[in-house]
Amino acid sequence: MAKRDIFSMLVRYHIDVNLPQCILYLQEGMVCPPTNKGRPVKEGLENKEYHGICIFKNGSTLVDKLVEDKLVNPVDVDEPVDVSNNAKFEDFLNNKDEEDGVYIYESASGLIYRIAKIHEPDITISDKIPHDFIFYGGPQNPNLDPEKAARRKLGTKTRLAISLANMYDDIDAYLIKHSGYTSLGIGKIPHFSKEGLVQEFFFRYDPNSKGPFVDEENHIIGVHRQYERHDSQLMRMGGKLITRPKDL
């Protein structure tokens, strides 16, 4: 089975499919969709104009491990879908209807499973994300304990992605988040491993930027950031503007 870059595929989907759906409702650099009564989507609140997803990637053992560790009830595991090549994986992204549950992609077999419910392991999550993960400008209340802030503001799937990736050595977790990020109001794409956030991609409205742009007409840039853990601290190691996944 050829190695598949899930992060790049989700970035491509976010640019080609989700962004155009949101641009339809762009007003003065903010997405103001009818599902939000024509009001801007505030940071940290849901943008319902596109499909989000949570995918856990593993070689071939994750579903069995989750059942053995009593984090998953076998009755909550759907029949798998064949995503053994890029075309099939893209077809899966374009045609999936379920928003509930998460997905387990076992790369050795090329199969992806929807799981209706996974129990969330209880770990400290605030040290797995940078201080500006939820809000572009950093915490809204800098005096609030970081763990309390993370648990109160992060959605269920993001907490699950962080905790499961931390629990097992051989899992990567990827999301397309619904929670708006930056004043634009579109969610980001994070990638987590055992160490925490590995990389992320998000859109930002910036009329003062010289580009490159994801959408030059509407002054929207695409930002890619990478992270590593050093001396127990999660550090941003680099960031750049990209227009396509090939630029990652």
C-alpha atoms as a PDB file:
ATOM      1  CA  MET A   1       0.000   0.000   0.000  1.00  0.00           C
ATOM      2  CA  ALA A   2       1.532   3.348  -1.044  1.00  0.00           C
ATOM      3  CA  LYS A   3       2.143   5.808   1.759  1.00  0.00           C
ATOM      4  CA  ARG A   4      -0.607   8.415   1.802  1.00  0.00           C
ATOM      5  CA  ASP A   5      -0.230  11.988   3.061  1.00  0.00           C
ATOM      6  CA  ILE A   6      -3.571  12.478   4.823  1.00  0.00           C
ATOM      7  CA  PHE A   7      -2.721  16.014   5.873  1.00  0.00           C
ATOM      8  CA  SER A   8      -2.066  17.165   2.298  1.00  0.00           C
ATOM      9  CA  MET A   9      -5.254  15.513   1.059  1.00  0.00           C
ATOM     10  CA  LEU A  10      -7.339  17.263   3.717  1.00  0.00           C
ATOM     11  CA  VAL A  11      -5.690  20.598   2.897  1.00  0.00           C
ATOM     12  CA  ARG A  12      -6.547  20.106  -0.774  1.00  0.00           C
ATOM     13  CA  TYR A  13     -10.156  19.264   0.110  1.00  0.00           C
ATOM     14  CA  HIS A  14     -10.401  22.291   2.406  1.00  0.00           C
ATOM     15  CA  ILE A  15      -9.106  24.598  -0.358  1.00  0.00           C
ATOM     16  CA  ASP A  16     -11.024  23.093  -3.283  1.00  0.00           C
ATOM     17  CA  VAL A  17     -14.344  22.198  -1.625  1.00  0.00           C
ATOM     18  CA  ASN A  18     -14.857  23.892   1.740  1.00  0.00           C
ATOM     19  CA  LEU A  19     -13.413  27.333   1.017  1.00  0.00           C
ATOM     20  CA  PRO A  20     -15.626  28.001  -2.057  1.00  0.00           C
ATOM     21  CA  GLN A  21     -18.712  27.096  -0.009  1.00  0.00           C
ATOM     22  CA  CYS A  22     -17.745  29.689   2.586  1.00  0.00           C
ATOM     23  CA  ILE A  23     -16.717  32.420   0.145  1.00  0.00           C
ATOM     24  CA  LEU A  24     -20.321  32.558  -1.041  1.00  0.00           C
ATOM     25  CA  TYR A  25     -21.100  34.275   2.268  1.00  0.00           C
ATOM     26  CA  LEU A  26     -18.007  36.448   2.619  1.00  0.00           C
ATOM     27  CA  GLN A  27     -18.644  39.997   3.832  1.00  0.00           C
ATOM     28  CA  GLU A  28     -15.778  42.371   4.643  1.00  0.00           C
ATOM     29  CA  GLY A  29     -13.383  39.504   5.289  1.00  0.00           C
ATOM     30  CA  MET A  30     -15.760  37.489   7.466  1.00  0.00           C
ATOM     31  CA  VAL A  31     -17.910  34.467   6.632  1.00  0.00           C
ATOM     32  CA  CYS A  32     -21.550  35.337   7.419  1.00  0.00           C
ATOM     33  CA  PRO A  33     -23.539  32.203   6.487  1.00  0.00           C
ATOM     34  CA  PRO A  34     -27.305  31.729   6.612  1.00  0.00           C
ATOM     35  CA  THR A  35     -26.777  28.910   9.115  1.00  0.00           C
ATOM     36  CA  ASN A  36     -25.490  31.644  11.447  1.00  0.00           C
ATOM     37  CA  LYS A  37     -28.387  33.987  10.593  1.00  0.00           C
ATOM     38  CA  GLY A  38     -26.103  36.014   8.326  1.00  0.00           C
ATOM     39  CA  ARG A  39     -23.825  36.989  11.201  1.00  0.00           C
ATOM     40  CA  PRO A  40     -20.031  36.500  11.240  1.00  0.00           C
ATOM     41  CA  VAL A  41     -18.782  33.181  12.585  1.00  0.00           C
ATOM     42  CA  LYS A  42     -16.854  34.089  15.719  1.00  0.00           C
ATOM     43  CA  GLU A  43     -13.599  32.374  16.610  1.00  0.00           C
ATOM     44  CA  GLY A  44     -14.179  29.186  18.554  1.00  0.00           C
ATOM     45  CA  LEU A  45     -17.788  28.825  17.367  1.00  0.00           C
ATOM     46  CA  GLU A  46     -19.039  26.455  14.680  1.00  0.00           C
ATOM     47  CA  ASN A  47     -19.094  27.146  10.966  1.00  0.00           C
ATOM     48  CA  LYS A  48     -21.701  24.720   9.598  1.00  0.00           C
ATOM     49  CA  GLU A  49     -21.253  25.520   5.906  1.00  0.00           C
ATOM     50  CA  TYR A  50     -18.909  22.599   5.201  1.00  0.00           C
ATOM     51  CA  HIS A  51     -18.124  19.045   6.273  1.00  0.00           C
ATOM     52  CA  GLY A  52     -15.604  18.509   9.047  1.00  0.00           C
ATOM     53  CA  ILE A  53     -13.899  15.204   9.813  1.00  0.00           C
ATOM     54  CA  CYS A  54     -11.678  13.450  12.359  1.00  0.00           C
ATOM     55  CA  ILE A  55      -9.386  10.686  11.071  1.00  0.00           C
ATOM     56  CA  PHE A  56      -7.020   8.448  13.033  1.00  0.00           C
ATOM     57  CA  LYS A  57      -4.316   6.798  10.939  1.00  0.00           C
ATOM     58  CA  ASN A  58      -2.682   3.497  11.935  1.00  0.00           C
ATOM     59  CA  GLY A  59      -1.133   0.543  10.140  1.00  0.00           C
ATOM     60  CA  SER A  60      -3.577  -2.278  10.800  1.00  0.00           C
ATOM     61  CA  THR A  61      -4.285  -2.695  14.512  1.00  0.00           C
ATOM     62  CA  LEU A  62      -6.057   0.373  15.867  1.00  0.00           C
ATOM     63  CA  VAL A  63      -9.668  -0.821  15.718  1.00  0.00           C
ATOM     64  CA  ASP A  64      -8.719  -4.002  17.601  1.00  0.00           C
ATOM     65  CA  LYS A  65      -6.683  -2.033  20.154  1.00  0.00           C
ATOM     66  CA  LEU A  66      -9.559   0.336  20.873  1.00  0.00           C
ATOM     67  CA  VAL A  67     -11.929  -2.590  21.398  1.00  0.00           C
ATOM     68  CA  GLU A  68      -9.415  -4.455  23.605  1.00  0.00           C
ATOM     69  CA  ASP A  69      -8.826  -1.343  25.710  1.00  0.00           C
ATOM     70  CA  LYS A  70     -12.596  -0.903  26.106  1.00  0.00           C
ATOM     71  CA  LEU A  71     -12.579   2.506  24.453  1.00  0.00           C
ATOM     72  CA  VAL A  72     -14.867   1.246  21.681  1.00  0.00           C
ATOM     73  CA  ASN A  73     -17.873  -1.067  21.730  1.00  0.00           C
ATOM     74  CA  PRO A  74     -17.698  -3.364  18.653  1.00  0.00           C
ATOM     75  CA  VAL A  75     -21.324  -2.581  17.779  1.00  0.00           C
ATOM     76  CA  ASP A  76     -20.283   1.043  17.149  1.00  0.00           C
ATOM     77  CA  VAL A  77     -17.909   0.075  14.314  1.00  0.00           C
ATOM     78  CA  ASP A  78     -19.370   0.430  10.803  1.00  0.00           C
ATOM     79  CA  GLU A  79     -18.467  -1.735   7.830  1.00  0.00           C
ATOM     80  CA  PRO A  80     -15.198  -0.489   6.272  1.00  0.00           C
ATOM     81  CA  VAL A  81     -14.903   1.498   3.053  1.00  0.00           C
ATOM     82  CA  ASP A  82     -12.167   0.811   0.496  1.00  0.00           C
ATOM     83  CA  VAL A  83      -9.894   3.877   0.156  1.00  0.00           C
ATOM     84  CA  SER A  84      -6.894   1.976  -1.200  1.00  0.00           C
ATOM     85  CA  ASN A  85      -5.923   4.628  -3.746  1.00  0.00           C
ATOM     86  CA  ASN A  86      -6.077   8.424  -3.824  1.00  0.00           C
ATOM     87  CA  ALA A  87      -9.080   8.518  -6.129  1.00  0.00           C
ATOM     88  CA  LYS A  88     -11.076   6.307  -3.753  1.00  0.00           C
ATOM     89  CA  PHE A  89      -9.983   8.372  -0.761  1.00  0.00           C
ATOM     90  CA  GLU A  90     -11.038  11.602  -2.458  1.00  0.00           C
ATOM     91  CA  ASP A  91     -14.354   9.996  -3.418  1.00  0.00           C
ATOM     92  CA  PHE A  92     -14.855   9.044   0.235  1.00  0.00           C
ATOM     93  CA  LEU A  93     -14.243  12.659   1.338  1.00  0.00           C
ATOM     94  CA  ASN A  94     -16.579  14.057  -1.308  1.00  0.00           C
ATOM     95  CA  ASN A  95     -19.437  11.671  -0.657  1.00  0.00           C
ATOM     96  CA  LYS A  96     -19.461  10.925   3.056  1.00  0.00           C
ATOM     97  CA  ASP A  97     -22.711  11.971   4.679  1.00  0.00           C
ATOM     98  CA  GLU A  98     -22.048  11.229   8.333  1.00  0.00           C
ATOM     99  CA  GLU A  99     -20.924  14.103  10.547  1.00  0.00           C
ATOM    100  CA  ASP A 100     -21.194  12.096  13.772  1.00  0.00           C
ATOM    101  CA  GLY A 101     -18.452   9.736  14.865  1.00  0.00           C
ATOM    102  CA  VAL A 102     -14.816   9.539  13.815  1.00  0.00           C
ATOM    103  CA  TYR A 103     -12.877   7.519  11.249  1.00  0.00           C
ATOM    104  CA  ILE A 104     -10.079   4.986  11.602  1.00  0.00           C
ATOM    105  CA  TYR A 105      -7.868   4.639   8.518  1.00  0.00           C
ATOM    106  CA  GLU A 106      -5.813   1.448   8.526  1.00  0.00           C
ATOM    107  CA  SER A 107      -3.189   2.124   5.906  1.00  0.00           C
ATOM    108  CA  ALA A 108      -1.972  -1.474   5.553  1.00  0.00           C
ATOM    109  CA  SER A 109      -5.334  -2.648   4.252  1.00  0.00           C
ATOM    110  CA  GLY A 110      -6.495   0.604   2.645  1.00  0.00           C
ATOM    111  CA  LEU A 111      -9.733   0.487   4.640  1.00  0.00           C
ATOM    112  CA  ILE A 112     -11.446   3.224   6.620  1.00  0.00           C
ATOM    113  CA  TYR A 113     -13.974   2.576   9.385  1.00  0.00           C
ATOM    114  CA  ARG A 114     -16.505   4.943  10.901  1.00  0.00           C
ATOM    115  CA  ILE A 115     -16.840   4.530  14.651  1.00  0.00           C
ATOM    116  CA  ALA A 116     -19.943   6.035  16.184  1.00  0.00           C
ATOM    117  CA  LYS A 117     -18.428   6.530  19.638  1.00  0.00           C
ATOM    118  CA  ILE A 118     -14.970   6.393  21.225  1.00  0.00           C
ATOM    119  CA  HIS A 119     -14.429   7.022  24.913  1.00  0.00           C
ATOM    120  CA  GLU A 120     -11.966   9.826  25.555  1.00  0.00           C
ATOM    121  CA  PRO A 121      -8.901   8.959  27.665  1.00  0.00           C
ATOM    122  CA  ASP A 122      -8.370  11.512  30.420  1.00  0.00           C
ATOM    123  CA  ILE A 123      -5.022  13.257  29.912  1.00  0.00           C
ATOM    124  CA  THR A 124      -3.633  16.761  30.244  1.00  0.00           C
ATOM    125  CA  ILE A 125      -4.269  18.352  26.848  1.00  0.00           C
ATOM    126  CA  SER A 126      -3.146  21.971  27.183  1.00  0.00           C
ATOM    127  CA  ASP A 127       0.554  21.133  26.790  1.00  0.00           C
ATOM    128  CA  LYS A 128      -0.175  19.407  23.465  1.00  0.00           C
ATOM    129  CA  ILE A 129      -1.243  22.607  21.712  1.00  0.00           C
ATOM    130  CA  PRO A 130       0.295  26.097  21.343  1.00  0.00           C
ATOM    131  CA  HIS A 131      -1.205  29.020  23.267  1.00  0.00           C
ATOM    132  CA  ASP A 132      -2.816  30.416  20.091  1.00  0.00           C
ATOM    133  CA  PHE A 133      -4.379  27.150  18.894  1.00  0.00           C
ATOM    134  CA  ILE A 134      -7.977  28.112  19.730  1.00  0.00           C
ATOM    135  CA  PHE A 135      -7.792  31.867  19.157  1.00  0.00           C
ATOM    136  CA  TYR A 136      -5.443  33.470  16.636  1.00  0.00           C
ATOM    137  CA  GLY A 137      -4.496  36.222  19.068  1.00  0.00           C
ATOM    138  CA  GLY A 138      -3.950  33.852  21.991  1.00  0.00           C
ATOM    139  CA  PRO A 139      -6.135  33.138  25.038  1.00  0.00           C
ATOM    140  CA  GLN A 140      -9.152  35.377  25.515  1.00  0.00           C
ATOM    141  CA  ASN A 141      -8.588  35.244  29.265  1.00  0.00           C
ATOM    142  CA  PRO A 142      -4.825  34.908  29.915  1.00  0.00           C
ATOM    143  CA  ASN A 143      -5.502  34.612  33.657  1.00  0.00           C
ATOM    144  CA  LEU A 144      -7.532  31.414  33.221  1.00  0.00           C
ATOM    145  CA  ASP A 145      -5.695  28.142  33.869  1.00  0.00           C
ATOM    146  CA  PRO A 146      -4.591  26.808  30.423  1.00  0.00           C
ATOM    147  CA  GLU A 147      -6.030  23.348  31.067  1.00  0.00           C
ATOM    148  CA  LYS A 148      -9.417  24.760  32.036  1.00  0.00           C
ATOM    149  CA  ALA A 149      -9.397  26.998  28.969  1.00  0.00           C
ATOM    150  CA  ALA A 150      -8.531  24.093  26.651  1.00  0.00           C
ATOM    151  CA  ARG A 151     -11.181  21.790  28.089  1.00  0.00           C
ATOM    152  CA  ARG A 152     -13.876  24.458  27.968  1.00  0.00           C
ATOM    153  CA  LYS A 153     -13.150  25.652  24.438  1.00  0.00           C
ATOM    154  CA  LEU A 154     -11.922  22.602  22.530  1.00  0.00           C
ATOM    155  CA  GLY A 155     -14.555  20.417  20.887  1.00  0.00           C
ATOM    156  CA  THR A 156     -15.049  16.743  21.670  1.00  0.00           C
ATOM    157  CA  LYS A 157     -13.320  15.497  18.510  1.00  0.00           C
ATOM    158  CA  THR A 158     -10.268  17.709  19.014  1.00  0.00           C
ATOM    159  CA  ARG A 159      -9.861  16.532  22.609  1.00  0.00           C
ATOM    160  CA  LEU A 160     -10.258  12.950  21.412  1.00  0.00           C
ATOM    161  CA  ALA A 161      -7.666  13.449  18.664  1.00  0.00           C
ATOM    162  CA  ILE A 162      -5.143  14.808  21.167  1.00  0.00           C
ATOM    163  CA  SER A 163      -5.768  12.149  23.811  1.00  0.00           C
ATOM    164  CA  LEU A 164      -5.802   9.073  21.546  1.00  0.00           C
ATOM    165  CA  ALA A 165      -2.701  10.182  19.651  1.00  0.00           C
ATOM    166  CA  ASN A 166      -1.006  10.606  23.030  1.00  0.00           C
ATOM    167  CA  MET A 167      -2.149   7.206  24.306  1.00  0.00           C
ATOM    168  CA  TYR A 168      -0.691   5.134  21.444  1.00  0.00           C
ATOM    169  CA  ASP A 169       2.759   5.379  19.864  1.00  0.00           C
ATOM    170  CA  ASP A 170       1.696   4.582  16.309  1.00  0.00           C
ATOM    171  CA  ILE A 171      -1.294   6.883  15.729  1.00  0.00           C
ATOM    172  CA  ASP A 172      -1.598  10.140  13.837  1.00  0.00           C
ATOM    173  CA  ALA A 173      -4.789  12.163  14.144  1.00  0.00           C
ATOM    174  CA  TYR A 174      -6.114  14.659  11.594  1.00  0.00           C
ATOM    175  CA  LEU A 175      -9.114  16.971  11.677  1.00  0.00           C
ATOM    176  CA  ILE A 176     -10.977  19.482   9.591  1.00  0.00           C
ATOM    177  CA  LYS A 177     -12.396  21.591  12.389  1.00  0.00           C
ATOM    178  CA  HIS A 178     -15.714  23.427  12.303  1.00  0.00           C
ATOM    179  CA  SER A 179     -14.655  25.948  14.954  1.00  0.00           C
ATOM    180  CA  GLY A 180     -13.830  29.249  13.277  1.00  0.00           C
ATOM    181  CA  TYR A 181     -10.217  30.432  13.474  1.00  0.00           C
ATOM    182  CA  THR A 182      -9.153  34.031  12.835  1.00  0.00           C
ATOM    183  CA  SER A 183     -11.755  36.668  12.048  1.00  0.00           C
ATOM    184  CA  LEU A 184     -12.454  34.903   8.723  1.00  0.00           C
ATOM    185  CA  GLY A 185     -14.421  32.242  10.585  1.00  0.00           C
ATOM    186  CA  ILE A 186     -13.284  28.997   8.891  1.00  0.00           C
ATOM    187  CA  GLY A 187     -11.848  26.085  10.875  1.00  0.00           C
ATOM    188  CA  LYS A 188      -8.272  24.854  10.708  1.00  0.00           C
ATOM    189  CA  ILE A 189      -6.688  21.485   9.911  1.00  0.00           C
ATOM    190  CA  PRO A 190      -4.488  20.163  12.741  1.00  0.00           C
ATOM    191  CA  HIS A 191      -2.309  17.035  12.714  1.00  0.00           C
ATOM    192  CA  PHE A 192      -1.482  15.424  16.082  1.00  0.00           C
ATOM    193  CA  SER A 193       0.973  12.723  17.145  1.00  0.00           C
ATOM    194  CA  LYS A 194       2.014  11.426  20.570  1.00  0.00           C
ATOM    195  CA  GLU A 195       4.034  14.616  21.106  1.00  0.00           C
ATOM    196  CA  GLY A 196       1.092  16.896  20.411  1.00  0.00           C
ATOM    197  CA  LEU A 197       0.474  19.217  17.472  1.00  0.00           C
ATOM    198  CA  VAL A 198       2.738  18.378  14.528  1.00  0.00           C
ATOM    199  CA  GLN A 199       1.442  20.856  11.952  1.00  0.00           C
ATOM    200  CA  GLU A 200      -1.631  22.883  11.083  1.00  0.00           C
ATOM    201  CA  PHE A 201      -3.178  24.731   8.162  1.00  0.00           C
ATOM    202  CA  PHE A 202      -5.650  27.590   8.301  1.00  0.00           C
ATOM    203  CA  PHE A 203      -7.104  30.389   6.193  1.00  0.00           C
ATOM    204  CA  ARG A 204      -6.808  34.059   7.054  1.00  0.00           C
ATOM    205  CA  TYR A 205      -8.210  37.220   5.471  1.00  0.00           C
ATOM    206  CA  ASP A 206      -5.330  39.684   4.960  1.00  0.00           C
ATOM    207  CA  PRO A 207      -5.923  42.592   2.545  1.00  0.00           C
ATOM    208  CA  ASN A 208      -2.461  43.950   3.373  1.00  0.00           C
ATOM    209  CA  SER A 209      -0.596  40.787   2.382  1.00  0.00           C
ATOM    210  CA  LYS A 210       1.440  40.599  -0.808  1.00  0.00           C
ATOM    211  CA  GLY A 211       0.628  36.897  -1.042  1.00  0.00           C
ATOM    212  CA  PRO A 212       0.851  34.254  -2.215  1.00  0.00           C
ATOM    213  CA  PHE A 213      -2.908  33.869  -1.861  1.00  0.00           C
ATOM    214  CA  VAL A 214      -5.224  30.889  -1.817  1.00  0.00           C
ATOM    215  CA  ASP A 215      -7.857  33.305  -3.162  1.00  0.00           C
ATOM    216  CA  GLU A 216      -6.306  36.562  -4.354  1.00  0.00           C
ATOM    217  CA  GLU A 217      -9.624  38.200  -5.296  1.00  0.00           C
ATOM    218  CA  ASN A 218     -10.840  37.891  -1.719  1.00  0.00           C
ATOM    219  CA  HIS A 219      -7.421  38.448  -0.064  1.00  0.00           C
ATOM    220  CA  ILE A 220      -7.383  35.025   1.609  1.00  0.00           C
ATOM    221  CA  ILE A 221      -4.050  33.434   2.455  1.00  0.00           C
ATOM    222  CA  GLY A 222      -3.323  29.845   3.512  1.00  0.00           C
ATOM    223  CA  VAL A 223      -0.960  29.445   6.474  1.00  0.00           C
ATOM    224  CA  HIS A 224       1.032  26.282   7.225  1.00  0.00           C
ATOM    225  CA  ARG A 225       2.815  25.962  10.595  1.00  0.00           C
ATOM    226  CA  GLN A 226       5.007  23.162  11.967  1.00  0.00           C
ATOM    227  CA  TYR A 227       5.776  22.225  15.576  1.00  0.00           C
ATOM    228  CA  GLU A 228       8.237  20.100  17.567  1.00  0.00           C
ATOM    229  CA  ARG A 229       8.636  19.296  21.244  1.00  0.00           C
ATOM    230  CA  HIS A 230      11.845  20.496  22.900  1.00  0.00           C
ATOM    231  CA  ASP A 231      12.568  20.141  26.616  1.00  0.00           C
ATOM    232  CA  SER A 232       8.886  19.268  27.233  1.00  0.00           C
ATOM    233  CA  GLN A 233       7.767  22.465  25.465  1.00  0.00           C
ATOM    234  CA  LEU A 234       5.856  22.490  22.179  1.00  0.00           C
ATOM    235  CA  MET A 235       7.673  24.937  19.900  1.00  0.00           C
ATOM    236  CA  ARG A 236       6.694  26.425  16.551  1.00  0.00           C
ATOM    237  CA  MET A 237       9.493  25.516  14.154  1.00  0.00           C
ATOM    238  CA  GLY A 238       8.357  27.237  10.999  1.00  0.00           C
ATOM    239  CA  GLY A 239       5.504  28.765   9.088  1.00  0.00           C
ATOM    240  CA  LYS A 240       4.822  29.820   5.521  1.00  0.00           C
ATOM    241  CA  LEU A 241       2.071  30.847   3.155  1.00  0.00           C
ATOM    242  CA  ILE A 242       0.970  28.190   0.707  1.00  0.00           C
ATOM    243  CA  THR A 243      -1.425  28.144  -2.230  1.00  0.00           C
ATOM    244  CA  ARG A 244      -1.607  24.372  -2.833  1.00  0.00           C
ATOM    245  CA  PRO A 245      -0.726  21.222  -0.846  1.00  0.00           C
ATOM    246  CA  LYS A 246       2.363  20.738  -3.041  1.00  0.00           C
ATOM    247  CA  ASP A 247       3.845  23.749  -1.242  1.00  0.00           C
ATOM    248  CA  LEU A 248       3.804  21.992   2.145  1.00  0.00           C
END
